[in-house]
């Protein structure tokens, strides 16, 4: 049955007045490839609380950390350009 689920997911589209729009048409960006890891040491209670909160918000810890790093780099690039 696993293959059937994949088939259904890949066939989902949105019907608009202009026609069908596939919902899974994300194009992969080779520049955005995740090819590295960042290992950090944190307090176990903080880690567990963070992971639990991410699960409650239907996201992953990795996704939230990537989002934070991306925003941090963006914010600090602006500050560097201003100096």
PDB file of N, CA and C in Angstrom:
ATOM      1  N   UNK A   1       0.804  -1.198   0.000  1.00  0.00           N
ATOM      2  CA  UNK A   1       0.000   0.000   0.000  1.00  0.00           C
ATOM      3  C   UNK A   1       0.850   1.266   0.000  1.00  0.00           C
ATOM      4  N   UNK A   2       2.083   1.169   0.411  1.00  0.00           N
ATOM      5  CA  UNK A   2       2.930   2.355   0.479  1.00  0.00           C
ATOM      6  C   UNK A   2       3.034   3.040  -0.881  1.00  0.00           C
ATOM      7  N   UNK A   3       3.194   2.267  -1.935  1.00  0.00           N
ATOM      8  CA  UNK A   3       3.285   2.846  -3.270  1.00  0.00           C
ATOM      9  C   UNK A   3       2.013   3.576  -3.675  1.00  0.00           C
ATOM     10  N   UNK A   4       0.871   3.057  -3.263  1.00  0.00           N
ATOM     11  CA  UNK A   4      -0.402   3.711  -3.578  1.00  0.00           C
ATOM     12  C   UNK A   4      -0.472   5.088  -2.940  1.00  0.00           C
ATOM     13  N   UNK A   5      -0.031   5.195  -1.707  1.00  0.00           N
ATOM     14  CA  UNK A   5      -0.056   6.492  -1.027  1.00  0.00           C
ATOM     15  C   UNK A   5       0.804   7.492  -1.780  1.00  0.00           C
ATOM     16  N   UNK A   6       1.992   7.079  -2.185  1.00  0.00           N
ATOM     17  CA  UNK A   6       2.867   7.969  -2.946  1.00  0.00           C
ATOM     18  C   UNK A   6       2.182   8.410  -4.240  1.00  0.00           C
ATOM     19  N   UNK A   7       1.549   7.492  -4.915  1.00  0.00           N
ATOM     20  CA  UNK A   7       0.890   7.820  -6.171  1.00  0.00           C
ATOM     21  C   UNK A   7      -0.176   8.878  -5.957  1.00  0.00           C
ATOM     22  N   UNK A   8      -0.989   8.714  -4.919  1.00  0.00           N
ATOM     23  CA  UNK A   8      -2.032   9.688  -4.646  1.00  0.00           C
ATOM     24  C   UNK A   8      -1.447  11.046  -4.294  1.00  0.00           C
ATOM     25  N   UNK A   9      -0.395  11.058  -3.507  1.00  0.00           N
ATOM     26  CA  UNK A   9       0.224  12.329  -3.123  1.00  0.00           C
ATOM     27  C   UNK A   9       0.759  13.054  -4.352  1.00  0.00           C
ATOM     28  N   UNK A  10       1.364  12.338  -5.262  1.00  0.00           N
ATOM     29  CA  UNK A  10       1.938  12.968  -6.450  1.00  0.00           C
ATOM     30  C   UNK A  10       0.874  13.436  -7.440  1.00  0.00           C
ATOM     31  N   UNK A  11      -0.345  12.977  -7.290  1.00  0.00           N
ATOM     32  CA  UNK A  11      -1.402  13.345  -8.233  1.00  0.00           C
ATOM     33  C   UNK A  11      -2.285  14.482  -7.724  1.00  0.00           C
ATOM     34  N   UNK A  12      -2.018  15.014  -6.552  1.00  0.00           N
ATOM     35  CA  UNK A  12      -2.859  16.079  -6.005  1.00  0.00           C
ATOM     36  C   UNK A  12      -2.674  17.352  -6.828  1.00  0.00           C
ATOM     37  N   UNK A  13      -3.773  17.978  -7.232  1.00  0.00           N
ATOM     38  CA  UNK A  13      -3.712  19.245  -7.947  1.00  0.00           C
ATOM     39  C   UNK A  13      -4.827  20.155  -7.475  1.00  0.00           C
ATOM     40  N   UNK A  14      -4.659  21.403  -7.778  1.00  0.00           N
ATOM     41  CA  UNK A  14      -5.640  22.416  -7.426  1.00  0.00           C
ATOM     42  C   UNK A  14      -6.348  22.838  -8.710  1.00  0.00           C
ATOM     43  N   UNK A  15      -7.670  22.852  -8.683  1.00  0.00           N
ATOM     44  CA  UNK A  15      -8.439  23.245  -9.861  1.00  0.00           C
ATOM     45  C   UNK A  15      -8.742  24.743  -9.748  1.00  0.00           C
ATOM     46  N   UNK A  16      -8.325  25.495 -10.741  1.00  0.00           N
ATOM     47  CA  UNK A  16      -8.582  26.932 -10.792  1.00  0.00           C
ATOM     48  C   UNK A  16      -9.278  27.249 -12.102  1.00  0.00           C
ATOM     49  N   UNK A  17      -9.788  28.466 -12.262  1.00  0.00           N
ATOM     50  CA  UNK A  17     -10.403  28.827 -13.549  1.00  0.00           C
ATOM     51  C   UNK A  17      -9.429  28.700 -14.724  1.00  0.00           C
ATOM     52  N   UNK A  18      -8.130  28.799 -14.438  1.00  0.00           N
ATOM     53  CA  UNK A  18      -7.134  28.693 -15.514  1.00  0.00           C
ATOM     54  C   UNK A  18      -6.683  27.269 -15.765  1.00  0.00           C
ATOM     55  N   UNK A  19      -7.154  26.321 -14.959  1.00  0.00           N
ATOM     56  CA  UNK A  19      -6.791  24.923 -15.170  1.00  0.00           C
ATOM     57  C   UNK A  19      -6.264  24.274 -13.906  1.00  0.00           C
ATOM     58  N   UNK A  20      -5.548  23.166 -14.095  1.00  0.00           N
ATOM     59  CA  UNK A  20      -5.007  22.401 -12.983  1.00  0.00           C
ATOM     60  C   UNK A  20      -3.621  22.916 -12.617  1.00  0.00           C
ATOM     61  N   UNK A  21      -3.371  23.027 -11.304  1.00  0.00           N
ATOM     62  CA  UNK A  21      -2.051  23.405 -10.814  1.00  0.00           C
ATOM     63  C   UNK A  21      -1.579  22.282  -9.898  1.00  0.00           C
ATOM     64  N   UNK A  22      -0.495  21.579 -10.261  1.00  0.00           N
ATOM     65  CA  UNK A  22       0.007  20.529  -9.374  1.00  0.00           C
ATOM     66  C   UNK A  22       0.533  21.143  -8.083  1.00  0.00           C
ATOM     67  N   UNK A  23       0.204  20.519  -6.954  1.00  0.00           N
ATOM     68  CA  UNK A  23       0.632  21.058  -5.667  1.00  0.00           C
ATOM     69  C   UNK A  23       2.024  20.588  -5.262  1.00  0.00           C
ATOM     70  N   UNK A  24       2.563  19.639  -5.980  1.00  0.00           N
ATOM     71  CA  UNK A  24       3.877  19.128  -5.629  1.00  0.00           C
ATOM     72  C   UNK A  24       4.922  19.517  -6.678  1.00  0.00           C
ATOM     73  N   UNK A  25       4.800  20.720  -7.220  1.00  0.00           N
ATOM     74  CA  UNK A  25       5.697  21.116  -8.301  1.00  0.00           C
ATOM     75  C   UNK A  25       6.907  21.894  -7.804  1.00  0.00           C
ATOM     76  N   UNK A  26       7.358  21.615  -6.568  1.00  0.00           N
ATOM     77  CA  UNK A  26       8.543  22.288  -6.057  1.00  0.00           C
ATOM     78  C   UNK A  26       9.756  21.846  -6.871  1.00  0.00           C
ATOM     79  N   UNK A  27      10.482  22.814  -7.368  1.00  0.00           N
ATOM     80  CA  UNK A  27      11.696  22.493  -8.102  1.00  0.00           C
ATOM     81  C   UNK A  27      12.855  22.478  -7.122  1.00  0.00           C
ATOM     82  N   UNK A  28      13.679  21.465  -7.223  1.00  0.00           N
ATOM     83  CA  UNK A  28      14.815  21.351  -6.322  1.00  0.00           C
ATOM     84  C   UNK A  28      15.885  22.344  -6.731  1.00  0.00           C
ATOM     85  N   UNK A  29      16.424  23.022  -5.738  1.00  0.00           N
ATOM     86  CA  UNK A  29      17.465  24.008  -5.966  1.00  0.00           C
ATOM     87  C   UNK A  29      18.793  23.407  -5.536  1.00  0.00           C
ATOM     88  N   UNK A  30      19.711  23.126  -6.473  1.00  0.00           N
ATOM     89  CA  UNK A  30      20.985  22.519  -6.095  1.00  0.00           C
ATOM     90  C   UNK A  30      21.813  23.414  -5.161  1.00  0.00           C
ATOM     91  N   UNK A  31      21.577  24.733  -5.193  1.00  0.00           N
ATOM     92  CA  UNK A  31      22.307  25.632  -4.307  1.00  0.00           C
ATOM     93  C   UNK A  31      21.824  25.511  -2.870  1.00  0.00           C
ATOM     94  N   UNK A  32      20.649  24.936  -2.663  1.00  0.00           N
ATOM     95  CA  UNK A  32      20.057  24.813  -1.339  1.00  0.00           C
ATOM     96  C   UNK A  32      20.259  23.407  -0.764  1.00  0.00           C
ATOM     97  N   UNK A  33      21.152  22.640  -1.340  1.00  0.00           N
ATOM     98  CA  UNK A  33      21.377  21.264  -0.922  1.00  0.00           C
ATOM     99  C   UNK A  33      21.930  21.221   0.502  1.00  0.00           C
ATOM    100  N   UNK A  34      21.355  20.366   1.310  1.00  0.00           N
ATOM    101  CA  UNK A  34      21.809  20.207   2.691  1.00  0.00           C
ATOM    102  C   UNK A  34      22.924  19.174   2.699  1.00  0.00           C
ATOM    103  N   UNK A  35      24.161  19.647   2.730  1.00  0.00           N
ATOM    104  CA  UNK A  35      25.294  18.739   2.637  1.00  0.00           C
ATOM    105  C   UNK A  35      26.240  18.823   3.840  1.00  0.00           C
ATOM    106  N   UNK A  36      25.823  19.512   4.906  1.00  0.00           N
ATOM    107  CA  UNK A  36      26.680  19.657   6.083  1.00  0.00           C
ATOM    108  C   UNK A  36      25.857  19.485   7.352  1.00  0.00           C
ATOM    109  N   UNK A  37      26.573  19.226   8.430  1.00  0.00           N
ATOM    110  CA  UNK A  37      25.932  19.091   9.724  1.00  0.00           C
ATOM    111  C   UNK A  37      26.560  20.070  10.697  1.00  0.00           C
ATOM    112  N   UNK A  38      25.779  20.482  11.690  1.00  0.00           N
ATOM    113  CA  UNK A  38      26.252  21.344  12.760  1.00  0.00           C
ATOM    114  C   UNK A  38      25.948  20.617  14.062  1.00  0.00           C
ATOM    115  N   UNK A  39      26.976  20.272  14.802  1.00  0.00           N
ATOM    116  CA  UNK A  39      26.802  19.552  16.059  1.00  0.00           C
ATOM    117  C   UNK A  39      26.986  20.555  17.189  1.00  0.00           C
ATOM    118  N   UNK A  40      25.981  20.633  18.079  1.00  0.00           N
ATOM    119  CA  UNK A  40      26.062  21.552  19.210  1.00  0.00           C
ATOM    120  C   UNK A  40      25.796  20.789  20.502  1.00  0.00           C
ATOM    121  N   UNK A  41      26.285  21.330  21.603  1.00  0.00           N
ATOM    122  CA  UNK A  41      26.033  20.741  22.913  1.00  0.00           C
ATOM    123  C   UNK A  41      25.134  21.701  23.684  1.00  0.00           C
ATOM    124  N   UNK A  42      23.982  21.200  24.121  1.00  0.00           N
ATOM    125  CA  UNK A  42      23.056  22.023  24.893  1.00  0.00           C
ATOM    126  C   UNK A  42      22.535  21.217  26.078  1.00  0.00           C
ATOM    127  N   UNK A  43      21.897  21.899  26.993  1.00  0.00           N
ATOM    128  CA  UNK A  43      21.284  21.278  28.152  1.00  0.00           C
ATOM    129  C   UNK A  43      20.197  20.313  27.694  1.00  0.00           C
ATOM    130  N   UNK A  44      20.167  19.132  28.265  1.00  0.00           N
ATOM    131  CA  UNK A  44      19.208  18.105  27.869  1.00  0.00           C
ATOM    132  C   UNK A  44      17.759  18.516  28.051  1.00  0.00           C
ATOM    133  N   UNK A  45      17.470  19.230  29.137  1.00  0.00           N
ATOM    134  CA  UNK A  45      16.094  19.670  29.374  1.00  0.00           C
ATOM    135  C   UNK A  45      15.663  20.682  28.319  1.00  0.00           C
ATOM    136  N   UNK A  46      16.577  21.583  27.944  1.00  0.00           N
ATOM    137  CA  UNK A  46      16.253  22.566  26.898  1.00  0.00           C
ATOM    138  C   UNK A  46      16.023  21.856  25.565  1.00  0.00           C
ATOM    139  N   UNK A  47      16.866  20.880  25.255  1.00  0.00           N
ATOM    140  CA  UNK A  47      16.723  20.124  24.008  1.00  0.00           C
ATOM    141  C   UNK A  47      15.367  19.442  23.966  1.00  0.00           C
ATOM    142  N   UNK A  48      15.018  18.733  25.044  1.00  0.00           N
ATOM    143  CA  UNK A  48      13.749  18.007  25.080  1.00  0.00           C
ATOM    144  C   UNK A  48      12.560  18.958  24.970  1.00  0.00           C
ATOM    145  N   UNK A  49      12.629  20.099  25.657  1.00  0.00           N
ATOM    146  CA  UNK A  49      11.541  21.084  25.592  1.00  0.00           C
ATOM    147  C   UNK A  49      11.416  21.647  24.180  1.00  0.00           C
ATOM    148  N   UNK A  50      12.550  21.927  23.531  1.00  0.00           N
ATOM    149  CA  UNK A  50      12.541  22.467  22.172  1.00  0.00           C
ATOM    150  C   UNK A  50      11.937  21.471  21.192  1.00  0.00           C
ATOM    151  N   UNK A  51      12.358  20.220  21.287  1.00  0.00           N
ATOM    152  CA  UNK A  51      11.832  19.191  20.383  1.00  0.00           C
ATOM    153  C   UNK A  51      10.341  18.985  20.623  1.00  0.00           C
ATOM    154  N   UNK A  52       9.917  18.958  21.887  1.00  0.00           N
ATOM    155  CA  UNK A  52       8.488  18.810  22.186  1.00  0.00           C
ATOM    156  C   UNK A  52       7.684  19.970  21.621  1.00  0.00           C
ATOM    157  N   UNK A  53       8.202  21.178  21.774  1.00  0.00           N
ATOM    158  CA  UNK A  53       7.493  22.349  21.264  1.00  0.00           C
ATOM    159  C   UNK A  53       7.403  22.303  19.737  1.00  0.00           C
ATOM    160  N   UNK A  54       8.473  21.890  19.091  1.00  0.00           N
ATOM    161  CA  UNK A  54       8.451  21.777  17.630  1.00  0.00           C
ATOM    162  C   UNK A  54       7.416  20.750  17.185  1.00  0.00           C
ATOM    163  N   UNK A  55       7.353  19.628  17.884  1.00  0.00           N
ATOM    164  CA  UNK A  55       6.371  18.599  17.533  1.00  0.00           C
ATOM    165  C   UNK A  55       4.950  19.124  17.709  1.00  0.00           C
ATOM    166  N   UNK A  56       4.721  19.878  18.782  1.00  0.00           N
ATOM    167  CA  UNK A  56       3.397  20.457  19.010  1.00  0.00           C
ATOM    168  C   UNK A  56       3.017  21.440  17.910  1.00  0.00           C
ATOM    169  N   UNK A  57       4.028  22.105  17.335  1.00  0.00           N
ATOM    170  CA  UNK A  57       3.793  23.094  16.282  1.00  0.00           C
ATOM    171  C   UNK A  57       3.872  22.462  14.896  1.00  0.00           C
ATOM    172  N   UNK A  58       3.950  21.122  14.844  1.00  0.00           N
ATOM    173  CA  UNK A  58       3.995  20.369  13.586  1.00  0.00           C
ATOM    174  C   UNK A  58       5.156  20.802  12.697  1.00  0.00           C
ATOM    175  N   UNK A  59       6.333  20.907  13.299  1.00  0.00           N
ATOM    176  CA  UNK A  59       7.553  21.237  12.563  1.00  0.00           C
ATOM    177  C   UNK A  59       8.673  20.399  13.149  1.00  0.00           C
ATOM    178  N   UNK A  60       9.851  20.515  12.593  1.00  0.00           N
ATOM    179  CA  UNK A  60      10.987  19.770  13.132  1.00  0.00           C
ATOM    180  C   UNK A  60      12.002  20.739  13.728  1.00  0.00           C
ATOM    181  N   UNK A  61      12.775  20.228  14.664  1.00  0.00           N
ATOM    182  CA  UNK A  61      13.820  21.042  15.281  1.00  0.00           C
ATOM    183  C   UNK A  61      14.818  21.499  14.213  1.00  0.00           C
ATOM    184  N   UNK A  62      15.172  20.614  13.317  1.00  0.00           N
ATOM    185  CA  UNK A  62      16.127  20.960  12.262  1.00  0.00           C
ATOM    186  C   UNK A  62      15.597  22.092  11.382  1.00  0.00           C
ATOM    187  N   UNK A  63      14.328  22.014  11.011  1.00  0.00           N
ATOM    188  CA  UNK A  63      13.734  23.060  10.168  1.00  0.00           C
ATOM    189  C   UNK A  63      13.769  24.408  10.876  1.00  0.00           C
ATOM    190  N   UNK A  64      13.413  24.417  12.162  1.00  0.00           N
ATOM    191  CA  UNK A  64      13.409  25.672  12.911  1.00  0.00           C
ATOM    192  C   UNK A  64      14.816  26.230  13.092  1.00  0.00           C
ATOM    193  N   UNK A  65      15.785  25.367  13.309  1.00  0.00           N
ATOM    194  CA  UNK A  65      17.171  25.840  13.433  1.00  0.00           C
ATOM    195  C   UNK A  65      17.694  26.375  12.102  1.00  0.00           C
ATOM    196  N   UNK A  66      17.356  25.700  11.001  1.00  0.00           N
ATOM    197  CA  UNK A  66      17.766  26.213   9.679  1.00  0.00           C
ATOM    198  C   UNK A  66      17.139  27.574   9.419  1.00  0.00           C
ATOM    199  N   UNK A  67      15.852  27.725   9.788  1.00  0.00           N
ATOM    200  CA  UNK A  67      15.168  28.999   9.600  1.00  0.00           C
ATOM    201  C   UNK A  67      15.843  30.096  10.433  1.00  0.00           C
ATOM    202  N   UNK A  68      16.203  29.766  11.676  1.00  0.00           N
ATOM    203  CA  UNK A  68      16.876  30.726  12.536  1.00  0.00           C
ATOM    204  C   UNK A  68      18.223  31.155  11.944  1.00  0.00           C
ATOM    205  N   UNK A  69      19.007  30.182  11.498  1.00  0.00           N
ATOM    206  CA  UNK A  69      20.332  30.486  10.944  1.00  0.00           C
ATOM    207  C   UNK A  69      20.197  31.349   9.695  1.00  0.00           C
ATOM    208  N   UNK A  70      19.255  31.010   8.828  1.00  0.00           N
ATOM    209  CA  UNK A  70      19.039  31.786   7.604  1.00  0.00           C
ATOM    210  C   UNK A  70      18.686  33.238   7.932  1.00  0.00           C
ATOM    211  N   UNK A  71      17.769  33.437   8.893  1.00  0.00           N
ATOM    212  CA  UNK A  71      17.374  34.786   9.293  1.00  0.00           C
ATOM    213  C   UNK A  71      18.526  35.521   9.966  1.00  0.00           C
ATOM    214  N   UNK A  72      19.298  34.833  10.793  1.00  0.00           N
ATOM    215  CA  UNK A  72      20.442  35.424  11.487  1.00  0.00           C
ATOM    216  C   UNK A  72      21.481  35.933  10.479  1.00  0.00           C
ATOM    217  N   UNK A  73      21.751  35.102   9.484  1.00  0.00           N
ATOM    218  CA  UNK A  73      22.712  35.515   8.448  1.00  0.00           C
ATOM    219  C   UNK A  73      22.187  36.715   7.670  1.00  0.00           C
ATOM    220  N   UNK A  74      20.911  36.691   7.349  1.00  0.00           N
ATOM    221  CA  UNK A  74      20.299  37.803   6.616  1.00  0.00           C
ATOM    222  C   UNK A  74      20.370  39.091   7.430  1.00  0.00           C
ATOM    223  N   UNK A  75      19.975  39.027   8.706  1.00  0.00           N
ATOM    224  CA  UNK A  75      19.984  40.208   9.570  1.00  0.00           C
ATOM    225  C   UNK A  75      21.393  40.776   9.743  1.00  0.00           C
ATOM    226  N   UNK A  76      22.356  39.905   9.939  1.00  0.00           N
ATOM    227  CA  UNK A  76      23.717  40.375  10.178  1.00  0.00           C
ATOM    228  C   UNK A  76      24.426  40.802   8.899  1.00  0.00           C
ATOM    229  N   UNK A  77      23.998  40.297   7.765  1.00  0.00           N
ATOM    230  CA  UNK A  77      24.549  40.772   6.487  1.00  0.00           C
ATOM    231  C   UNK A  77      24.137  42.217   6.279  1.00  0.00           C
ATOM    232  N   UNK A  78      22.903  42.547   6.657  1.00  0.00           N
ATOM    233  CA  UNK A  78      22.423  43.935   6.551  1.00  0.00           C
ATOM    234  C   UNK A  78      23.238  44.838   7.469  1.00  0.00           C
ATOM    235  N   UNK A  79      23.535  44.399   8.688  1.00  0.00           N
ATOM    236  CA  UNK A  79      24.315  45.202   9.626  1.00  0.00           C
ATOM    237  C   UNK A  79      25.733  45.401   9.105  1.00  0.00           C
ATOM    238  N   UNK A  80      26.315  44.350   8.525  1.00  0.00           N
ATOM    239  CA  UNK A  80      27.667  44.449   7.986  1.00  0.00           C
ATOM    240  C   UNK A  80      27.721  45.435   6.821  1.00  0.00           C
ATOM    241  N   UNK A  81      26.678  45.441   5.998  1.00  0.00           N
ATOM    242  CA  UNK A  81      26.630  46.348   4.854  1.00  0.00           C
ATOM    243  C   UNK A  81      26.486  47.790   5.314  1.00  0.00           C
ATOM    244  N   UNK A  82      25.816  48.020   6.454  1.00  0.00           N
ATOM    245  CA  UNK A  82      25.622  49.363   6.960  1.00  0.00           C
ATOM    246  C   UNK A  82      26.903  49.935   7.556  1.00  0.00           C
ATOM    247  N   UNK A  83      27.797  49.081   8.053  1.00  0.00           N
ATOM    248  CA  UNK A  83      29.044  49.555   8.689  1.00  0.00           C
ATOM    249  C   UNK A  83      30.107  49.886   7.718  1.00  0.00           C
TER     250      UNK A  83
END
